[in-house]
Amino acid sequence: MPRLVYLASARRDLLAILDYITRESGSLAIGRRFTEELRGQCAKLAALPGTLGRARPELRPDIRSFAFGSYVIFFRYDGDRFEVVNILEGHRDIVAYYEDDRS
């Protein structure tokens, strides 16, 4: 099984999601529960074999994605590592986000 690794960008995303959910719900417990569910989904993806998710060559050649609720988990396989690259709200302009990230 590949080792699950959260890149710095994914860790920032999780903190931003925690902050947003906590603010909107008025409950840190709800924010934590949701981010733990996201992390649990990442662990499930890492435990499954091969080329799960959807290839996203329009973003980067090695990126794949998997929807979880209104969020999208972006990840890649790197040898024995399953790297979570980003976790973004699905209504965002994802292509523009990745274009801005490259500049």
PDB file of N, CA and C in Angstrom:
ATOM      1  N   MET A   1       0.848  -1.182   0.000  1.00  0.00           N
ATOM      2  CA  MET A   1       0.000   0.000   0.000  1.00  0.00           C
ATOM      3  C   MET A   1       0.891   1.241   0.000  1.00  0.00           C
ATOM      4  N   PRO A   2       0.582   2.210  -0.865  1.00  0.00           N
ATOM      5  CA  PRO A   2       1.373   3.444  -0.884  1.00  0.00           C
ATOM      6  C   PRO A   2       1.254   4.202   0.439  1.00  0.00           C
ATOM      7  N   ARG A   3       2.309   4.916   0.750  1.00  0.00           N
ATOM      8  CA  ARG A   3       2.322   5.745   1.961  1.00  0.00           C
ATOM      9  C   ARG A   3       1.576   7.044   1.668  1.00  0.00           C
ATOM     10  N   LEU A   4       0.639   7.401   2.526  1.00  0.00           N
ATOM     11  CA  LEU A   4      -0.162   8.614   2.369  1.00  0.00           C
ATOM     12  C   LEU A   4       0.649   9.821   2.825  1.00  0.00           C
ATOM     13  N   VAL A   5       0.787  10.805   1.927  1.00  0.00           N
ATOM     14  CA  VAL A   5       1.535  12.028   2.221  1.00  0.00           C
ATOM     15  C   VAL A   5       0.668  13.224   1.829  1.00  0.00           C
ATOM     16  N   TYR A   6       0.543  14.178   2.726  1.00  0.00           N
ATOM     17  CA  TYR A   6      -0.148  15.433   2.419  1.00  0.00           C
ATOM     18  C   TYR A   6       0.910  16.479   2.103  1.00  0.00           C
ATOM     19  N   LEU A   7       0.903  16.999   0.875  1.00  0.00           N
ATOM     20  CA  LEU A   7       1.815  18.075   0.531  1.00  0.00           C
ATOM     21  C   LEU A   7       1.417  19.326   1.314  1.00  0.00           C
ATOM     22  N   ALA A   8       2.334  20.278   1.417  1.00  0.00           N
ATOM     23  CA  ALA A   8       2.061  21.512   2.164  1.00  0.00           C
ATOM     24  C   ALA A   8       0.802  22.202   1.645  1.00  0.00           C
ATOM     25  N   SER A   9       0.596  22.172   0.337  1.00  0.00           N
ATOM     26  CA  SER A   9      -0.595  22.797  -0.258  1.00  0.00           C
ATOM     27  C   SER A   9      -1.874  22.136   0.251  1.00  0.00           C
ATOM     28  N   ALA A  10      -1.880  20.831   0.391  1.00  0.00           N
ATOM     29  CA  ALA A  10      -3.062  20.113   0.891  1.00  0.00           C
ATOM     30  C   ALA A  10      -3.282  20.399   2.374  1.00  0.00           C
ATOM     31  N   ARG A  11      -2.200  20.511   3.130  1.00  0.00           N
ATOM     32  CA  ARG A  11      -2.340  20.845   4.554  1.00  0.00           C
ATOM     33  C   ARG A  11      -2.939  22.246   4.717  1.00  0.00           C
ATOM     34  N   ARG A  12      -2.498  23.188   3.872  1.00  0.00           N
ATOM     35  CA  ARG A  12      -3.088  24.539   3.905  1.00  0.00           C
ATOM     36  C   ARG A  12      -4.573  24.485   3.552  1.00  0.00           C
ATOM     37  N   ASP A  13      -4.907  23.680   2.542  1.00  0.00           N
ATOM     38  CA  ASP A  13      -6.314  23.542   2.148  1.00  0.00           C
ATOM     39  C   ASP A  13      -7.153  23.000   3.298  1.00  0.00           C
ATOM     40  N   LEU A  14      -6.652  21.981   3.983  1.00  0.00           N
ATOM     41  CA  LEU A  14      -7.398  21.404   5.106  1.00  0.00           C
ATOM     42  C   LEU A  14      -7.626  22.433   6.209  1.00  0.00           C
ATOM     43  N   LEU A  15      -6.615  23.251   6.493  1.00  0.00           N
ATOM     44  CA  LEU A  15      -6.778  24.295   7.509  1.00  0.00           C
ATOM     45  C   LEU A  15      -7.809  25.333   7.070  1.00  0.00           C
ATOM     46  N   ALA A  16      -7.778  25.701   5.791  1.00  0.00           N
ATOM     47  CA  ALA A  16      -8.752  26.666   5.269  1.00  0.00           C
ATOM     48  C   ALA A  16     -10.167  26.087   5.319  1.00  0.00           C
ATOM     49  N   ILE A  17     -10.310  24.809   5.008  1.00  0.00           N
ATOM     50  CA  ILE A  17     -11.622  24.149   5.066  1.00  0.00           C
ATOM     51  C   ILE A  17     -12.114  24.095   6.509  1.00  0.00           C
ATOM     52  N   LEU A  18     -11.224  23.739   7.426  1.00  0.00           N
ATOM     53  CA  LEU A  18     -11.585  23.714   8.847  1.00  0.00           C
ATOM     54  C   LEU A  18     -12.072  25.091   9.288  1.00  0.00           C
ATOM     55  N   ASP A  19     -11.345  26.133   8.913  1.00  0.00           N
ATOM     56  CA  ASP A  19     -11.722  27.497   9.283  1.00  0.00           C
ATOM     57  C   ASP A  19     -13.088  27.859   8.696  1.00  0.00           C
ATOM     58  N   TYR A  20     -13.282  27.563   7.423  1.00  0.00           N
ATOM     59  CA  TYR A  20     -14.537  27.906   6.751  1.00  0.00           C
ATOM     60  C   TYR A  20     -15.731  27.167   7.364  1.00  0.00           C
ATOM     61  N   ILE A  21     -15.613  25.861   7.521  1.00  0.00           N
ATOM     62  CA  ILE A  21     -16.722  25.059   8.064  1.00  0.00           C
ATOM     63  C   ILE A  21     -17.025  25.494   9.499  1.00  0.00           C
ATOM     64  N   THR A  22     -15.983  25.772  10.277  1.00  0.00           N
ATOM     65  CA  THR A  22     -16.181  26.215  11.657  1.00  0.00           C
ATOM     66  C   THR A  22     -16.921  27.547  11.693  1.00  0.00           C
ATOM     67  N   ARG A  23     -16.499  28.495  10.846  1.00  0.00           N
ATOM     68  CA  ARG A  23     -17.164  29.801  10.796  1.00  0.00           C
ATOM     69  C   ARG A  23     -18.623  29.673  10.367  1.00  0.00           C
ATOM     70  N   GLU A  24     -18.848  28.908   9.296  1.00  0.00           N
ATOM     71  CA  GLU A  24     -20.206  28.789   8.750  1.00  0.00           C
ATOM     72  C   GLU A  24     -21.147  28.031   9.680  1.00  0.00           C
ATOM     73  N   SER A  25     -20.630  27.032  10.365  1.00  0.00           N
ATOM     74  CA  SER A  25     -21.477  26.213  11.246  1.00  0.00           C
ATOM     75  C   SER A  25     -21.531  26.764  12.666  1.00  0.00           C
ATOM     76  N   GLY A  26     -20.541  27.584  13.017  1.00  0.00           N
ATOM     77  CA  GLY A  26     -20.457  28.076  14.387  1.00  0.00           C
ATOM     78  C   GLY A  26     -19.954  27.029  15.359  1.00  0.00           C
ATOM     79  N   SER A  27     -19.366  25.942  14.824  1.00  0.00           N
ATOM     80  CA  SER A  27     -18.939  24.835  15.681  1.00  0.00           C
ATOM     81  C   SER A  27     -17.592  24.277  15.227  1.00  0.00           C
ATOM     82  N   LEU A  28     -16.606  24.370  16.117  1.00  0.00           N
ATOM     83  CA  LEU A  28     -15.308  23.772  15.828  1.00  0.00           C
ATOM     84  C   LEU A  28     -15.435  22.256  15.691  1.00  0.00           C
ATOM     85  N   ALA A  29     -16.317  21.648  16.473  1.00  0.00           N
ATOM     86  CA  ALA A  29     -16.507  20.191  16.405  1.00  0.00           C
ATOM     87  C   ALA A  29     -16.988  19.767  15.017  1.00  0.00           C
ATOM     88  N   ILE A  30     -17.898  20.525  14.432  1.00  0.00           N
ATOM     89  CA  ILE A  30     -18.389  20.200  13.088  1.00  0.00           C
ATOM     90  C   ILE A  30     -17.270  20.370  12.070  1.00  0.00           C
ATOM     91  N   GLY A  31     -16.497  21.449  12.193  1.00  0.00           N
ATOM     92  CA  GLY A  31     -15.360  21.660  11.293  1.00  0.00           C
ATOM     93  C   GLY A  31     -14.355  20.531  11.380  1.00  0.00           C
ATOM     94  N   ARG A  32     -14.036  20.129  12.592  1.00  0.00           N
ATOM     95  CA  ARG A  32     -13.078  19.027  12.778  1.00  0.00           C
ATOM     96  C   ARG A  32     -13.626  17.713  12.224  1.00  0.00           C
ATOM     97  N   ARG A  33     -14.894  17.452  12.474  1.00  0.00           N
ATOM     98  CA  ARG A  33     -15.494  16.207  11.992  1.00  0.00           C
ATOM     99  C   ARG A  33     -15.420  16.137  10.462  1.00  0.00           C
ATOM    100  N   PHE A  34     -15.736  17.248   9.802  1.00  0.00           N
ATOM    101  CA  PHE A  34     -15.713  17.244   8.345  1.00  0.00           C
ATOM    102  C   PHE A  34     -14.294  17.063   7.806  1.00  0.00           C
ATOM    103  N   THR A  35     -13.326  17.761   8.377  1.00  0.00           N
ATOM    104  CA  THR A  35     -11.950  17.601   7.876  1.00  0.00           C
ATOM    105  C   THR A  35     -11.429  16.198   8.169  1.00  0.00           C
ATOM    106  N   GLU A  36     -11.866  15.591   9.259  1.00  0.00           N
ATOM    107  CA  GLU A  36     -11.482  14.198   9.522  1.00  0.00           C
ATOM    108  C   GLU A  36     -12.111  13.260   8.495  1.00  0.00           C
ATOM    109  N   GLU A  37     -13.339  13.546   8.075  1.00  0.00           N
ATOM    110  CA  GLU A  37     -13.963  12.744   7.018  1.00  0.00           C
ATOM    111  C   GLU A  37     -13.177  12.880   5.710  1.00  0.00           C
ATOM    112  N   LEU A  38     -12.734  14.092   5.398  1.00  0.00           N
ATOM    113  CA  LEU A  38     -11.900  14.287   4.207  1.00  0.00           C
ATOM    114  C   LEU A  38     -10.610  13.481   4.311  1.00  0.00           C
ATOM    115  N   ARG A  39      -9.961  13.549   5.469  1.00  0.00           N
ATOM    116  CA  ARG A  39      -8.719  12.794   5.670  1.00  0.00           C
ATOM    117  C   ARG A  39      -8.980  11.284   5.588  1.00  0.00           C
ATOM    118  N   GLY A  40     -10.120  10.846   6.097  1.00  0.00           N
ATOM    119  CA  GLY A  40     -10.483   9.433   5.998  1.00  0.00           C
ATOM    120  C   GLY A  40     -10.656   8.996   4.556  1.00  0.00           C
ATOM    121  N   GLN A  41     -11.264   9.854   3.736  1.00  0.00           N
ATOM    122  CA  GLN A  41     -11.420   9.533   2.316  1.00  0.00           C
ATOM    123  C   GLN A  41     -10.057   9.457   1.638  1.00  0.00           C
ATOM    124  N   CYS A  42      -9.146  10.343   2.001  1.00  0.00           N
ATOM    125  CA  CYS A  42      -7.789  10.292   1.439  1.00  0.00           C
ATOM    126  C   CYS A  42      -7.112   8.977   1.806  1.00  0.00           C
ATOM    127  N   ALA A  43      -7.289   8.539   3.043  1.00  0.00           N
ATOM    128  CA  ALA A  43      -6.700   7.271   3.474  1.00  0.00           C
ATOM    129  C   ALA A  43      -7.293   6.102   2.695  1.00  0.00           C
ATOM    130  N   LYS A  44      -8.604   6.140   2.446  1.00  0.00           N
ATOM    131  CA  LYS A  44      -9.239   5.080   1.654  1.00  0.00           C
ATOM    132  C   LYS A  44      -8.686   5.059   0.233  1.00  0.00           C
ATOM    133  N   LEU A  45      -8.529   6.234  -0.361  1.00  0.00           N
ATOM    134  CA  LEU A  45      -7.978   6.309  -1.720  1.00  0.00           C
ATOM    135  C   LEU A  45      -6.562   5.747  -1.762  1.00  0.00           C
ATOM    136  N   ALA A  46      -5.770   6.091  -0.763  1.00  0.00           N
ATOM    137  CA  ALA A  46      -4.384   5.619  -0.721  1.00  0.00           C
ATOM    138  C   ALA A  46      -4.318   4.106  -0.571  1.00  0.00           C
ATOM    139  N   ALA A  47      -5.303   3.514   0.099  1.00  0.00           N
ATOM    140  CA  ALA A  47      -5.301   2.073   0.353  1.00  0.00           C
ATOM    141  C   ALA A  47      -5.731   1.257  -0.860  1.00  0.00           C
ATOM    142  N   LEU A  48      -6.382   1.909  -1.817  1.00  0.00           N
ATOM    143  CA  LEU A  48      -6.859   1.190  -2.995  1.00  0.00           C
ATOM    144  C   LEU A  48      -5.782   1.153  -4.069  1.00  0.00           C
ATOM    145  N   PRO A  49      -5.797   0.129  -4.885  1.00  0.00           N
ATOM    146  CA  PRO A  49      -4.725  -0.032  -5.861  1.00  0.00           C
ATOM    147  C   PRO A  49      -4.845   0.890  -7.067  1.00  0.00           C
ATOM    148  N   GLY A  50      -3.705   1.231  -7.615  1.00  0.00           N
ATOM    149  CA  GLY A  50      -3.581   1.754  -8.970  1.00  0.00           C
ATOM    150  C   GLY A  50      -4.131   3.107  -9.287  1.00  0.00           C
ATOM    151  N   THR A  51      -4.763   3.184 -10.414  1.00  0.00           N
ATOM    152  CA  THR A  51      -5.119   4.460 -11.014  1.00  0.00           C
ATOM    153  C   THR A  51      -6.561   4.846 -10.716  1.00  0.00           C
ATOM    154  N   LEU A  52      -6.854   5.041  -9.465  1.00  0.00           N
ATOM    155  CA  LEU A  52      -8.181   5.445  -9.044  1.00  0.00           C
ATOM    156  C   LEU A  52      -8.391   6.920  -9.367  1.00  0.00           C
ATOM    157  N   GLY A  53      -9.623   7.335  -9.455  1.00  0.00           N
ATOM    158  CA  GLY A  53      -9.923   8.734  -9.723  1.00  0.00           C
ATOM    159  C   GLY A  53      -9.849   9.046 -11.205  1.00  0.00           C
ATOM    160  N   ARG A  54     -10.024  10.309 -11.489  1.00  0.00           N
ATOM    161  CA  ARG A  54     -10.051  10.770 -12.871  1.00  0.00           C
ATOM    162  C   ARG A  54      -8.740  11.456 -13.211  1.00  0.00           C
ATOM    163  N   ALA A  55      -8.121  11.074 -14.312  1.00  0.00           N
ATOM    164  CA  ALA A  55      -6.905  11.754 -14.770  1.00  0.00           C
ATOM    165  C   ALA A  55      -7.250  13.201 -15.088  1.00  0.00           C
ATOM    166  N   ARG A  56      -6.336  14.129 -14.761  1.00  0.00           N
ATOM    167  CA  ARG A  56      -6.573  15.550 -14.997  1.00  0.00           C
ATOM    168  C   ARG A  56      -5.411  16.185 -15.761  1.00  0.00           C
ATOM    169  N   PRO A  57      -5.176  15.735 -16.999  1.00  0.00           N
ATOM    170  CA  PRO A  57      -4.041  16.260 -17.769  1.00  0.00           C
ATOM    171  C   PRO A  57      -4.141  17.754 -18.053  1.00  0.00           C
ATOM    172  N   GLU A  58      -5.356  18.319 -17.991  1.00  0.00           N
ATOM    173  CA  GLU A  58      -5.496  19.757 -18.219  1.00  0.00           C
ATOM    174  C   GLU A  58      -4.911  20.575 -17.065  1.00  0.00           C
ATOM    175  N   LEU A  59      -4.687  19.915 -15.920  1.00  0.00           N
ATOM    176  CA  LEU A  59      -4.096  20.583 -14.762  1.00  0.00           C
ATOM    177  C   LEU A  59      -2.594  20.346 -14.708  1.00  0.00           C
ATOM    178  N   ARG A  60      -2.241  19.068 -14.679  1.00  0.00           N
ATOM    179  CA  ARG A  60      -0.849  18.619 -14.698  1.00  0.00           C
ATOM    180  C   ARG A  60      -0.872  17.175 -15.184  1.00  0.00           C
ATOM    181  N   PRO A  61       0.191  16.727 -15.812  1.00  0.00           N
ATOM    182  CA  PRO A  61       0.175  15.366 -16.376  1.00  0.00           C
ATOM    183  C   PRO A  61       0.005  14.255 -15.332  1.00  0.00           C
ATOM    184  N   ASP A  62       0.431  14.499 -14.097  1.00  0.00           N
ATOM    185  CA  ASP A  62       0.421  13.434 -13.089  1.00  0.00           C
ATOM    186  C   ASP A  62      -0.733  13.532 -12.096  1.00  0.00           C
ATOM    187  N   ILE A  63      -1.613  14.502 -12.245  1.00  0.00           N
ATOM    188  CA  ILE A  63      -2.673  14.742 -11.260  1.00  0.00           C
ATOM    189  C   ILE A  63      -3.935  13.946 -11.597  1.00  0.00           C
ATOM    190  N   ARG A  64      -4.555  13.419 -10.536  1.00  0.00           N
ATOM    191  CA  ARG A  64      -5.846  12.746 -10.639  1.00  0.00           C
ATOM    192  C   ARG A  64      -6.774  13.408  -9.625  1.00  0.00           C
ATOM    193  N   SER A  65      -8.078  13.192  -9.773  1.00  0.00           N
ATOM    194  CA  SER A  65      -9.011  13.803  -8.826  1.00  0.00           C
ATOM    195  C   SER A  65     -10.113  12.820  -8.446  1.00  0.00           C
ATOM    196  N   PHE A  66     -10.696  13.096  -7.281  1.00  0.00           N
ATOM    197  CA  PHE A  66     -11.792  12.286  -6.770  1.00  0.00           C
ATOM    198  C   PHE A  66     -12.713  13.217  -5.988  1.00  0.00           C
ATOM    199  N   ALA A  67     -14.003  13.215  -6.308  1.00  0.00           N
ATOM    200  CA  ALA A  67     -14.963  14.083  -5.628  1.00  0.00           C
ATOM    201  C   ALA A  67     -15.352  13.500  -4.274  1.00  0.00           C
ATOM    202  N   PHE A  68     -15.491  14.389  -3.313  1.00  0.00           N
ATOM    203  CA  PHE A  68     -15.967  14.024  -1.979  1.00  0.00           C
ATOM    204  C   PHE A  68     -16.904  15.140  -1.527  1.00  0.00           C
ATOM    205  N   GLY A  69     -18.193  14.879  -1.590  1.00  0.00           N
ATOM    206  CA  GLY A  69     -19.163  15.931  -1.298  1.00  0.00           C
ATOM    207  C   GLY A  69     -18.981  17.067  -2.286  1.00  0.00           C
ATOM    208  N   SER A  70     -18.910  18.283  -1.785  1.00  0.00           N
ATOM    209  CA  SER A  70     -18.711  19.435  -2.665  1.00  0.00           C
ATOM    210  C   SER A  70     -17.234  19.759  -2.861  1.00  0.00           C
ATOM    211  N   TYR A  71     -16.358  18.903  -2.370  1.00  0.00           N
ATOM    212  CA  TYR A  71     -14.914  19.112  -2.498  1.00  0.00           C
ATOM    213  C   TYR A  71     -14.319  18.109  -3.478  1.00  0.00           C
ATOM    214  N   VAL A  72     -13.153  18.453  -3.988  1.00  0.00           N
ATOM    215  CA  VAL A  72     -12.432  17.570  -4.899  1.00  0.00           C
ATOM    216  C   VAL A  72     -11.034  17.370  -4.333  1.00  0.00           C
ATOM    217  N   ILE A  73     -10.657  16.109  -4.199  1.00  0.00           N
ATOM    218  CA  ILE A  73      -9.325  15.744  -3.721  1.00  0.00           C
ATOM    219  C   ILE A  73      -8.439  15.551  -4.947  1.00  0.00           C
ATOM    220  N   PHE A  74      -7.339  16.280  -5.004  1.00  0.00           N
ATOM    221  CA  PHE A  74      -6.380  16.157  -6.101  1.00  0.00           C
ATOM    222  C   PHE A  74      -5.150  15.431  -5.567  1.00  0.00           C
ATOM    223  N   PHE A  75      -4.729  14.399  -6.291  1.00  0.00           N
ATOM    224  CA  PHE A  75      -3.645  13.560  -5.791  1.00  0.00           C
ATOM    225  C   PHE A  75      -2.807  13.035  -6.941  1.00  0.00           C
ATOM    226  N   ARG A  76      -1.687  12.425  -6.568  1.00  0.00           N
ATOM    227  CA  ARG A  76      -0.837  11.771  -7.560  1.00  0.00           C
ATOM    228  C   ARG A  76      -0.122  10.606  -6.885  1.00  0.00           C
ATOM    229  N   TYR A  77       0.270   9.668  -7.716  1.00  0.00           N
ATOM    230  CA  TYR A  77       1.076   8.539  -7.261  1.00  0.00           C
ATOM    231  C   TYR A  77       2.530   8.867  -7.566  1.00  0.00           C
ATOM    232  N   ASP A  78       3.403   8.682  -6.591  1.00  0.00           N
ATOM    233  CA  ASP A  78       4.829   8.937  -6.787  1.00  0.00           C
ATOM    234  C   ASP A  78       5.599   7.788  -6.144  1.00  0.00           C
ATOM    235  N   GLY A  79       5.881   6.771  -6.955  1.00  0.00           N
ATOM    236  CA  GLY A  79       6.558   5.583  -6.428  1.00  0.00           C
ATOM    237  C   GLY A  79       5.698   4.920  -5.373  1.00  0.00           C
ATOM    238  N   ASP A  80       6.215   4.825  -4.153  1.00  0.00           N
ATOM    239  CA  ASP A  80       5.469   4.191  -3.061  1.00  0.00           C
ATOM    240  C   ASP A  80       4.661   5.205  -2.253  1.00  0.00           C
ATOM    241  N   ARG A  81       4.484   6.394  -2.812  1.00  0.00           N
ATOM    242  CA  ARG A  81       3.753   7.457  -2.112  1.00  0.00           C
ATOM    243  C   ARG A  81       2.445   7.796  -2.831  1.00  0.00           C
ATOM    244  N   PHE A  82       1.420   8.032  -2.032  1.00  0.00           N
ATOM    245  CA  PHE A  82       0.153   8.578  -2.512  1.00  0.00           C
ATOM    246  C   PHE A  82       0.123  10.004  -1.977  1.00  0.00           C
ATOM    247  N   GLU A  83       0.325  10.979  -2.857  1.00  0.00           N
ATOM    248  CA  GLU A  83       0.455  12.366  -2.432  1.00  0.00           C
ATOM    249  C   GLU A  83      -0.845  13.134  -2.666  1.00  0.00           C
ATOM    250  N   VAL A  84      -1.398  13.676  -1.592  1.00  0.00           N
ATOM    251  CA  VAL A  84      -2.553  14.562  -1.705  1.00  0.00           C
ATOM    252  C   VAL A  84      -1.989  15.948  -1.995  1.00  0.00           C
ATOM    253  N   VAL A  85      -2.345  16.479  -3.158  1.00  0.00           N
ATOM    254  CA  VAL A  85      -1.789  17.749  -3.625  1.00  0.00           C
ATOM    255  C   VAL A  85      -2.652  18.915  -3.165  1.00  0.00           C
ATOM    256  N   ASN A  86      -3.952  18.810  -3.356  1.00  0.00           N
ATOM    257  CA  ASN A  86      -4.900  19.855  -2.959  1.00  0.00           C
ATOM    258  C   ASN A  86      -6.236  19.231  -2.609  1.00  0.00           C
ATOM    259  N   ILE A  87      -7.013  19.957  -1.836  1.00  0.00           N
ATOM    260  CA  ILE A  87      -8.416  19.634  -1.586  1.00  0.00           C
ATOM    261  C   ILE A  87      -9.161  20.953  -1.760  1.00  0.00           C
ATOM    262  N   LEU A  88      -9.928  21.051  -2.835  1.00  0.00           N
ATOM    263  CA  LEU A  88     -10.554  22.320  -3.204  1.00  0.00           C
ATOM    264  C   LEU A  88     -12.059  22.174  -3.331  1.00  0.00           C
ATOM    265  N   GLU A  89     -12.759  23.265  -3.086  1.00  0.00           N
ATOM    266  CA  GLU A  89     -14.204  23.305  -3.260  1.00  0.00           C
ATOM    267  C   GLU A  89     -14.502  23.150  -4.740  1.00  0.00           C
ATOM    268  N   GLY A  90     -15.408  22.273  -5.073  1.00  0.00           N
ATOM    269  CA  GLY A  90     -15.643  21.879  -6.455  1.00  0.00           C
ATOM    270  C   GLY A  90     -16.212  22.945  -7.365  1.00  0.00           C
ATOM    271  N   HIS A  91     -16.784  24.004  -6.815  1.00  0.00           N
ATOM    272  CA  HIS A  91     -17.351  25.056  -7.655  1.00  0.00           C
ATOM    273  C   HIS A  91     -16.314  26.083  -8.093  1.00  0.00           C
ATOM    274  N   ARG A  92     -15.101  25.971  -7.586  1.00  0.00           N
ATOM    275  CA  ARG A  92     -14.036  26.898  -7.984  1.00  0.00           C
ATOM    276  C   ARG A  92     -13.628  26.633  -9.424  1.00  0.00           C
ATOM    277  N   ASP A  93     -12.979  27.607 -10.013  1.00  0.00           N
ATOM    278  CA  ASP A  93     -12.396  27.429 -11.344  1.00  0.00           C
ATOM    279  C   ASP A  93     -11.054  26.724 -11.140  1.00  0.00           C
ATOM    280  N   ILE A  94     -11.089  25.405 -11.167  1.00  0.00           N
ATOM    281  CA  ILE A  94      -9.918  24.591 -10.844  1.00  0.00           C
ATOM    282  C   ILE A  94      -8.798  24.813 -11.859  1.00  0.00           C
ATOM    283  N   VAL A  95      -9.132  24.903 -13.126  1.00  0.00           N
ATOM    284  CA  VAL A  95      -8.108  25.120 -14.157  1.00  0.00           C
ATOM    285  C   VAL A  95      -7.388  26.436 -13.890  1.00  0.00           C
ATOM    286  N   ALA A  96      -8.129  27.493 -13.596  1.00  0.00           N
ATOM    287  CA  ALA A  96      -7.511  28.791 -13.300  1.00  0.00           C
ATOM    288  C   ALA A  96      -6.648  28.699 -12.045  1.00  0.00           C
ATOM    289  N   TYR A  97      -7.101  27.955 -11.039  1.00  0.00           N
ATOM    290  CA  TYR A  97      -6.318  27.784  -9.814  1.00  0.00           C
ATOM    291  C   TYR A  97      -4.955  27.175 -10.130  1.00  0.00           C
ATOM    292  N   TYR A  98      -4.945  26.116 -10.919  1.00  0.00           N
ATOM    293  CA  TYR A  98      -3.683  25.458 -11.249  1.00  0.00           C
ATOM    294  C   TYR A  98      -2.832  26.305 -12.185  1.00  0.00           C
ATOM    295  N   GLU A  99      -3.459  27.084 -13.062  1.00  0.00           N
ATOM    296  CA  GLU A  99      -2.687  27.992 -13.920  1.00  0.00           C
ATOM    297  C   GLU A  99      -2.011  29.056 -13.070  1.00  0.00           C
ATOM    298  N   ASP A 100      -2.726  29.619 -12.099  1.00  0.00           N
ATOM    299  CA  ASP A 100      -2.144  30.617 -11.202  1.00  0.00           C
ATOM    300  C   ASP A 100      -1.034  30.012 -10.363  1.00  0.00           C
ATOM    301  N   ASP A 101      -1.209  28.759  -9.958  1.00  0.00           N
ATOM    302  CA  ASP A 101      -0.224  28.059  -9.132  1.00  0.00           C
ATOM    303  C   ASP A 101       1.089  27.857  -9.880  1.00  0.00           C
ATOM    304  N   ARG A 102       1.023  27.728 -11.202  1.00  0.00           N
ATOM    305  CA  ARG A 102       2.234  27.508 -12.002  1.00  0.00           C
ATOM    306  C   ARG A 102       3.009  28.788 -12.234  1.00  0.00           C
ATOM    307  N   SER A 103       2.366  29.955 -12.089  1.00  0.00           N
ATOM    308  CA  SER A 103       3.079  31.199 -12.376  1.00  0.00           C
ATOM    309  C   SER A 103       3.832  31.727 -11.183  1.00  0.00           C
TER     310      SER A 103
END
